[in-house]
C-alpha cells in the first residue's frame, strides 16, 4: 500500500482534505496518516488528533517540531498533501509526490504567492484560474475543481438533520450565515447590524480559526461570544466545528466579505451579501496602496453575483430584499458557478487522486 500524509498546517485546511480522504478510503490502496506542526497552542492539535482517531487515521506527533520533521522524513511517504507550502521542503524525500490543495479561493493574493518549485501537482478549482496560472508559467497544475465542495453533494441528509437539530433554530424564521474572514474583516463594523438582524432571523456565525487562535484576533471571537449569549437567535459556532459545509445547506442567505465562502456558497444558488465595510489597521489607513496590494483586485472587481454593501447601515435592507426575492440574482450565480468552480459534480477529489496515480516522477 502507498503511504500518504496530510500535512495539516491549520485545522481549517481539513475540510479540503476530508473529501480526498473519503475517496482514498474507498480505493483501499493507501495507508493514510496526518500531522500538524508543533505550536504553543494545543487547541488545534488536540482537535485534529481527535478527528483522526474518529476516522481511524494515524496521527503523527512529537514533543518538538524538529523531532516531528525528522520522523516524517524517515517515514518516506509516497505522497504528501499540503494546504500551504509550510515545512514541505523539510518533509519530502526525492521520490515523494508533493501535492498542493490550497486552503482558500478568496480574494487575497496569497493564492499566487504561496508556491514552491518542489510541488509536483497543484489542484486548481476553475478553468479561469487554470488558464491564468498557465499564463504565469506554472506547469504543475491539474484542473480538478474545489475538493472541499465535494461534500455539498456527498454529505448525507441524516448528517444535515443532526446538525440542524443541534442548532435548535426557530423554524418560523429565515436563517442567515455570517462567515467573515479575520483581516481585513467586516465583523467589527457589522456587529450592531447583526444584533438587530437577529431580532428577525436566525443568525449562524462561523468565524475564521484565527479569530479564536491568534492573540491578535481573539477579541473577535470574544465580541461575538458576548453577542450570542445576549441573543438566543444568534448561534456562534465554536472553533472545533471546522466544517462549514452543513451550514451552507441549512442557511437561506450568506453574509461575507473577502472570504472564500463567497465562491463556496455559489452551488447553493442562494443570495449572497458581500460586505466592503472594513476596519483597517492604522498603517493600512495611511498606506492604503500597501493594503490594496494584498487583494486580488481583478477578481474583486469582476464579482457581479452578490449584493454589495459599502456601509453597515445598508445591510438590513439588502438582507430582507434578498430573502424576499431569493431568485433575483440566480442567473448571475449560475454563470459565476461555472466560471469560478470547475465541473461541480462531487468528483474533484477523485480527479485529484487520478492525477496523483498517473503522475510519473
Protein backbone atom coordinates (compact mmCIF):
# COMPACT_ATOMS: atom_id res chain seq x y z
CA UNK A 1 0.00 0.00 0.00
CA UNK A 2 1.16 3.55 -0.71
CA UNK A 3 1.74 5.81 2.25
CA UNK A 4 0.14 9.24 2.12
CA UNK A 5 0.45 12.08 4.63
CA UNK A 6 -1.90 15.03 5.05
CA UNK A 7 0.29 17.80 6.44
CA UNK A 8 -2.35 19.96 8.09
CA UNK A 9 -0.91 23.37 8.92
CA UNK A 10 -4.22 24.51 10.46
CA UNK A 11 -7.41 22.64 11.23
CA UNK A 12 -9.38 24.80 8.81
CA UNK A 13 -7.47 23.07 6.00
CA UNK A 14 -9.14 19.80 6.94
CA UNK A 15 -12.45 20.39 5.05
CA UNK A 16 -10.37 20.49 1.83
CA UNK A 17 -8.68 17.22 2.78
CA UNK A 18 -11.68 15.28 4.11
CA UNK A 19 -13.32 14.54 0.72
CA UNK A 20 -9.93 13.38 -0.62
CA UNK A 21 -9.55 11.06 2.37
CA UNK A 22 -13.03 9.64 1.80
CA UNK A 23 -12.15 8.73 -1.81
CA UNK A 24 -8.76 7.30 -0.80
CA UNK A 25 -10.50 5.04 1.72
CA UNK A 26 -12.91 3.84 -0.98
CA UNK A 27 -9.98 2.84 -3.20
CA UNK A 28 -8.46 0.83 -0.34
CA UNK A 29 -4.92 1.19 -1.71
CA UNK A 30 -3.47 3.76 0.69
CA UNK A 31 -2.16 3.96 4.22
CA UNK A 32 -3.47 7.38 5.31
CA UNK A 33 -1.77 9.42 8.03
CA UNK A 34 -1.91 13.05 9.19
CA UNK A 35 0.19 15.51 11.15
CA UNK A 36 0.26 19.11 12.34
CA UNK A 37 3.21 21.40 13.17
CA UNK A 38 4.05 21.73 16.86
CA UNK A 39 2.97 25.13 18.21
CA UNK A 40 2.47 26.79 21.58
CA UNK A 41 -1.32 26.49 21.23
CA UNK A 42 -2.59 22.93 21.65
CA UNK A 43 -6.24 23.53 20.77
CA UNK A 44 -5.97 22.80 17.04
CA UNK A 45 -3.57 19.92 17.68
CA UNK A 46 -5.96 18.27 20.14
CA UNK A 47 -8.94 18.77 17.83
CA UNK A 48 -7.19 17.29 14.79
CA UNK A 49 -5.92 14.31 16.77
CA UNK A 50 -9.48 13.60 17.90
CA UNK A 51 -10.76 13.86 14.31
CA UNK A 52 -8.08 11.44 13.10
CA UNK A 53 -8.89 8.95 15.84
CA UNK A 54 -12.54 9.05 14.77
CA UNK A 55 -11.56 8.34 11.17
CA UNK A 56 -9.04 5.63 12.12
CA UNK A 57 -6.19 7.71 10.68
CA UNK A 58 -2.77 7.52 12.31
CA UNK A 59 -1.73 10.88 13.74
CA UNK A 60 1.99 11.64 13.61
CA UNK A 61 3.13 13.68 16.60
CA UNK A 62 6.24 14.51 18.61
CA UNK A 63 7.24 16.70 21.53
CA UNK A 64 9.12 19.15 19.28
CA UNK A 65 8.86 20.40 15.71
CA UNK A 66 12.42 19.26 14.94
CA UNK A 67 11.62 15.71 16.04
CA UNK A 68 8.30 15.72 14.16
CA UNK A 69 10.00 16.76 10.91
CA UNK A 70 12.71 14.14 11.39
CA UNK A 71 10.11 11.43 11.99
CA UNK A 72 8.07 12.36 8.93
CA UNK A 73 11.19 12.47 6.76
CA UNK A 74 12.16 8.99 7.96
CA UNK A 75 8.72 7.58 7.04
CA UNK A 76 9.49 8.22 3.35
CA UNK A 77 5.91 8.92 2.28
CA UNK A 78 4.90 8.21 -1.30
CA UNK A 79 2.61 11.26 -1.28
CA UNK A 80 2.41 14.33 0.96
CA UNK A 81 -0.59 16.63 0.57
CA UNK A 82 -0.37 20.18 1.92
CA UNK A 83 -2.67 23.21 2.14
CA UNK A 84 0.23 25.68 2.04
CA UNK A 85 3.99 25.37 1.49
CA UNK A 86 4.88 25.49 5.19
CA UNK A 87 7.52 22.88 6.06
CA UNK A 88 7.11 20.93 2.82
CA UNK A 89 10.76 21.00 1.72
CA UNK A 90 11.89 19.54 5.04
CA UNK A 91 9.33 16.71 4.92
CA UNK A 92 9.66 15.29 1.42
CA UNK A 93 12.14 12.78 0.06
CA UNK A 94 13.35 12.72 -3.53
CA UNK A 95 10.62 10.31 -4.65
CA UNK A 96 7.76 11.86 -2.66
CA UNK A 97 4.93 13.27 -4.78
CA UNK A 98 4.17 16.66 -3.22
CA UNK A 99 0.60 17.85 -3.78
CA UNK A 100 -0.89 21.26 -3.03
CA UNK A 101 -4.61 21.50 -2.26
CA UNK A 102 -4.65 25.20 -1.43
CA UNK A 103 -6.83 26.07 1.55
CA UNK A 104 -8.65 29.10 0.10
CA UNK A 105 -10.02 30.58 -3.11
CA UNK A 106 -10.98 34.01 -1.78
CA UNK A 107 -9.81 37.49 -2.68
CA UNK A 108 -6.29 37.57 -1.25
CA UNK A 109 -3.18 37.39 -3.42
CA UNK A 110 -1.64 34.70 -1.21
CA UNK A 111 -3.09 32.15 -3.68
CA UNK A 112 -0.39 33.22 -6.15
CA UNK A 113 2.44 33.70 -3.66
CA UNK A 114 2.27 30.55 -1.52
CA UNK A 115 4.06 28.39 -4.09
CA UNK A 116 7.23 26.34 -4.33
CA UNK A 117 9.03 24.55 -7.17
CA UNK A 118 9.05 21.31 -5.11
CA UNK A 119 5.28 20.95 -5.53
CA UNK A 120 4.65 18.28 -8.19
CA UNK A 121 0.90 18.72 -8.53
CA UNK A 122 -1.33 21.63 -7.63
CA UNK A 123 -5.10 21.21 -7.55
CA UNK A 124 -6.88 24.09 -9.32
CA UNK A 125 -10.55 24.88 -8.78
CA UNK A 126 -11.58 26.53 -12.07
CA UNK A 127 -10.79 26.80 -15.77
CA UNK A 128 -10.26 30.56 -15.44
CA UNK A 129 -7.70 30.16 -12.67
CA UNK A 130 -6.04 27.23 -14.50
CA UNK A 131 -5.56 29.35 -17.62
CA UNK A 132 -4.30 32.28 -15.55
CA UNK A 133 -1.69 30.09 -13.84
CA UNK A 134 -0.66 28.64 -17.18
CA UNK A 135 -0.04 32.15 -18.50
CA UNK A 136 2.12 32.81 -15.42
CA UNK A 137 4.28 29.82 -16.36
CA UNK A 138 3.00 27.17 -13.96
CA UNK A 139 3.26 23.65 -15.37
CA UNK A 140 2.49 21.58 -12.27
CA UNK A 141 -1.23 22.33 -12.21
CA UNK A 142 -4.17 19.96 -12.60
CA UNK A 143 -7.77 21.03 -13.20
CA UNK A 144 -9.84 19.25 -10.56
CA UNK A 145 -12.46 21.55 -9.09
CA UNK A 146 -12.50 22.52 -5.39
CA UNK A 147 -12.24 19.35 -3.28
CA UNK A 148 -13.87 20.95 -0.24
CA UNK A 149 -17.17 21.29 -2.08
CA UNK A 150 -17.47 17.59 -2.96
CA UNK A 151 -19.25 17.21 0.36
CA UNK A 152 -22.04 19.52 -0.78
CA UNK A 153 -23.04 16.55 -2.91
CA UNK A 154 -21.86 13.60 -0.83
CA UNK A 155 -22.97 14.76 2.65
CA UNK A 156 -25.95 12.73 3.84
CA UNK A 157 -29.38 14.11 4.70
CA UNK A 158 -29.08 12.36 8.04
CA UNK A 159 -25.93 14.35 8.90
CA UNK A 160 -27.64 17.61 7.96
CA UNK A 161 -30.62 16.65 10.10
CA UNK A 162 -28.39 16.03 13.14
CA UNK A 163 -26.64 19.39 12.69
CA UNK A 164 -29.96 21.21 12.27
CA UNK A 165 -31.41 19.62 15.41
CA UNK A 166 -28.35 20.64 17.47
CA UNK A 167 -28.75 24.24 16.33
CA UNK A 168 -32.36 24.29 17.58
CA UNK A 169 -33.34 27.01 15.11
CA UNK A 170 -36.66 28.83 15.11
CA UNK A 171 -38.36 27.13 12.15
CA UNK A 172 -40.59 30.17 11.60
CA UNK A 173 -37.58 32.34 10.75
CA UNK A 174 -35.17 32.51 7.84
CA UNK A 175 -31.58 31.55 8.62
CA UNK A 176 -28.59 33.76 7.79
CA UNK A 177 -25.00 32.51 7.79
CA UNK A 178 -22.40 35.18 8.66
CA UNK A 179 -18.90 33.99 7.69
CA UNK A 180 -16.36 36.84 7.68
CA UNK A 181 -12.61 36.45 7.41
CA UNK A 182 -10.19 37.68 10.09
CA UNK A 183 -8.47 40.55 8.22
CA UNK A 184 -9.50 42.71 6.54
CA UNK A 185 -12.82 41.89 8.10
CA UNK A 186 -16.34 43.27 8.25
CA UNK A 187 -17.20 41.70 11.59
CA UNK A 188 -16.50 44.77 13.72
CA UNK A 189 -18.42 47.29 11.66
CA UNK A 190 -21.36 44.91 11.17
CA UNK A 191 -21.60 43.98 14.84
CA UNK A 192 -24.62 46.16 15.67
CA UNK A 193 -26.37 45.27 12.42
CA UNK A 194 -26.01 41.56 13.13
CA UNK A 195 -27.51 42.17 16.56
CA UNK A 196 -30.55 43.88 15.01
CA UNK A 197 -30.83 41.23 12.30
CA UNK A 198 -31.12 38.53 14.97
CA UNK A 199 -34.45 40.04 16.02
CA UNK A 200 -35.94 38.85 12.71
CA UNK A 201 -33.73 35.92 11.62
CA UNK A 202 -31.72 33.02 12.94
CA UNK A 203 -28.07 34.05 12.59
CA UNK A 204 -25.35 31.40 12.45
CA UNK A 205 -21.84 32.86 12.83
CA UNK A 206 -18.79 30.98 11.55
CA UNK A 207 -15.60 32.87 12.34
CA UNK A 208 -12.19 32.20 10.87
CA UNK A 209 -9.97 29.97 13.04
CA UNK A 210 -7.56 32.88 13.58
CA UNK A 211 -10.37 34.74 15.35
CA UNK A 212 -10.08 32.06 18.04
CA UNK A 213 -6.43 31.02 17.92
CA UNK A 214 -4.26 34.06 17.28
CA UNK A 215 -3.83 36.53 20.13
CA UNK A 216 -4.04 39.46 17.71
CA UNK A 217 -7.56 38.45 16.63
CA UNK A 218 -9.03 36.71 19.69
CA UNK A 219 -11.06 39.80 20.54
CA UNK A 220 -13.22 38.95 17.50
CA UNK A 221 -14.49 35.66 18.93
CA UNK A 222 -14.89 37.32 22.34
CA UNK A 223 -17.10 40.03 20.79
CA UNK A 224 -19.41 37.54 19.14
CA UNK A 225 -19.45 35.15 22.08
CA UNK A 226 -20.89 38.01 24.12
CA UNK A 227 -23.47 38.69 21.42
CA UNK A 228 -24.51 35.04 21.18
CA UNK A 229 -25.09 34.97 24.94
CA UNK A 230 -27.31 38.03 24.69
CA UNK A 231 -29.45 36.70 21.84
CA UNK A 232 -30.95 33.22 21.56
CA UNK A 233 -31.27 33.72 17.79
CA UNK A 234 -27.50 34.04 17.35
CA UNK A 235 -25.55 30.79 17.21
CA UNK A 236 -21.78 31.22 17.32
CA UNK A 237 -20.11 28.06 16.05
CA UNK A 238 -17.18 27.07 18.26
CA UNK A 239 -13.75 26.75 16.70
CA UNK A 240 -13.81 22.94 16.92
CA UNK A 241 -16.65 22.97 14.39
CA UNK A 242 -14.27 23.11 11.44
CA UNK A 243 -16.60 22.12 8.59
CA UNK A 244 -18.84 24.86 7.21
CA UNK A 245 -20.47 22.63 4.57
CA UNK A 246 -23.55 21.57 6.64
CA UNK A 247 -24.30 25.24 7.35
CA UNK A 248 -24.27 26.11 3.65
CA UNK A 249 -27.07 23.57 3.32
CA UNK A 250 -29.06 24.99 6.23
CA UNK A 251 -28.69 28.74 5.55
CA UNK A 252 -31.07 30.75 3.35
CA UNK A 253 -28.50 33.53 2.76
CA UNK A 254 -24.78 34.21 3.25
CA UNK A 255 -23.10 37.38 4.51
CA UNK A 256 -19.34 37.55 3.99
CA UNK A 257 -16.56 39.92 2.88
CA UNK A 258 -13.39 38.72 1.09
CA UNK A 259 -13.61 35.16 2.34
CA UNK A 260 -13.59 32.03 0.13
CA UNK A 261 -17.15 31.48 1.31
CA UNK A 262 -18.33 33.95 -1.36
CA UNK A 263 -17.41 31.39 -4.01
CA UNK A 264 -18.04 28.23 -1.99
CA UNK A 265 -21.69 29.21 -1.47
CA UNK A 266 -22.39 29.56 -5.21
CA UNK A 267 -23.57 25.96 -5.75
CA UNK A 268 -26.41 26.57 -3.29
CA UNK A 269 -27.90 29.22 -5.61
CA UNK A 270 -28.97 31.31 -2.62
CA UNK A 271 -28.45 35.06 -2.04
CA UNK A 272 -25.01 36.35 -1.10
CA UNK A 273 -24.33 39.68 0.63
CA UNK A 274 -20.76 40.94 0.17
CA UNK A 275 -19.66 43.49 2.74
CA UNK A 276 -16.99 46.03 1.83
CA UNK A 277 -17.08 47.56 5.32
CA UNK A 278 -13.60 47.08 6.73
CA UNK A 279 -11.88 48.42 9.80
CA UNK A 280 -8.26 48.73 8.67
CA UNK A 281 -5.11 48.82 10.74
CA UNK A 282 -3.63 52.26 11.15
CA UNK A 283 -0.74 51.58 8.75
CA UNK A 284 -3.19 50.45 6.06
CA UNK A 285 -5.27 53.61 6.52
CA UNK A 286 -2.16 55.70 5.99
CA UNK A 287 -0.61 53.49 3.32
CA UNK A 288 -3.74 52.32 1.54
CA UNK A 289 -1.82 51.10 -1.51
CA UNK A 290 0.01 48.60 0.71
CA UNK A 291 -3.35 47.20 1.77
CA UNK A 292 -4.71 47.06 -1.77
CA UNK A 293 -1.68 45.06 -2.90
CA UNK A 294 -2.84 42.23 -0.64
CA UNK A 295 -6.07 41.84 -2.61
CA UNK A 296 -6.77 40.20 -5.94
CA UNK A 297 -8.37 43.34 -7.34
CA UNK A 298 -9.29 41.98 -10.76
CA UNK A 299 -11.17 39.10 -9.11
CA UNK A 300 -12.81 41.50 -6.65
CA UNK A 301 -13.95 43.91 -9.34
CA UNK A 302 -15.45 41.16 -11.51
CA UNK A 303 -17.79 39.79 -8.83
CA UNK A 304 -21.32 40.51 -10.03
CA UNK A 305 -23.27 37.73 -8.30
CA UNK A 306 -23.57 39.30 -4.84
CA UNK A 307 -25.40 42.22 -3.23
CA UNK A 308 -22.59 44.59 -2.22
CA UNK A 309 -22.75 46.94 0.72
CA UNK A 310 -20.30 49.75 1.47
CA UNK A 311 -21.93 50.99 4.67
CA UNK A 312 -23.13 48.91 7.66
CA UNK A 313 -26.49 50.70 7.53
CA UNK A 314 -27.13 49.10 4.12
CA UNK A 315 -27.04 45.55 5.46
CA UNK A 316 -30.55 45.03 6.77
CA UNK A 317 -32.37 46.33 3.71
CA UNK A 318 -30.21 44.16 1.43
CA UNK A 319 -30.76 41.07 3.55
CA UNK A 320 -34.54 41.46 3.71
CA UNK A 321 -34.82 42.20 0.00
CA UNK A 322 -32.69 39.17 -0.89
CA UNK A 323 -34.65 36.87 1.42
CA UNK A 324 -37.94 38.02 -0.14
CA UNK A 325 -36.51 37.67 -3.67
CA UNK A 326 -34.15 34.66 -3.50
CA UNK A 327 -34.12 34.06 -7.27
CA UNK A 328 -33.35 37.67 -8.16
CA UNK A 329 -29.66 37.06 -8.97
CA UNK A 330 -29.95 33.36 -9.71
CA UNK A 331 -28.87 33.67 -13.36
CA UNK A 332 -25.68 35.51 -12.38
CA UNK A 333 -24.92 32.98 -9.65
CA UNK A 334 -25.25 30.11 -12.13
CA UNK A 335 -22.90 31.81 -14.58
CA UNK A 336 -20.45 32.52 -11.74
CA UNK A 337 -20.60 28.90 -10.59
CA UNK A 338 -19.35 27.71 -13.98
CA UNK A 339 -16.66 30.40 -14.06
CA UNK A 340 -15.27 30.06 -10.54
CA UNK A 341 -15.78 26.34 -9.89
CA UNK A 342 -14.93 23.64 -12.40
CA UNK A 343 -17.42 20.84 -13.09
CA UNK A 344 -19.31 20.89 -9.79
CA UNK A 345 -20.17 17.18 -9.60
CA UNK A 346 -18.73 15.97 -6.29
CA UNK A 347 -15.75 14.35 -8.03
CA UNK A 348 -12.96 16.92 -7.63
CA UNK A 349 -11.20 14.64 -5.14
CA UNK A 350 -11.42 11.68 -7.50
CA UNK A 351 -9.88 13.73 -10.30
CA UNK A 352 -7.06 14.78 -7.99
CA UNK A 353 -6.30 11.22 -6.91
CA UNK A 354 -6.42 10.05 -10.53
CA UNK A 355 -3.78 12.71 -11.32
CA UNK A 356 -1.61 11.55 -8.43
CA UNK A 357 -1.85 7.93 -9.58
CA UNK A 358 -0.97 8.94 -13.16
CA UNK A 359 1.96 11.11 -12.11
CA UNK A 360 5.44 9.93 -13.07
CA UNK A 361 8.37 11.26 -11.01
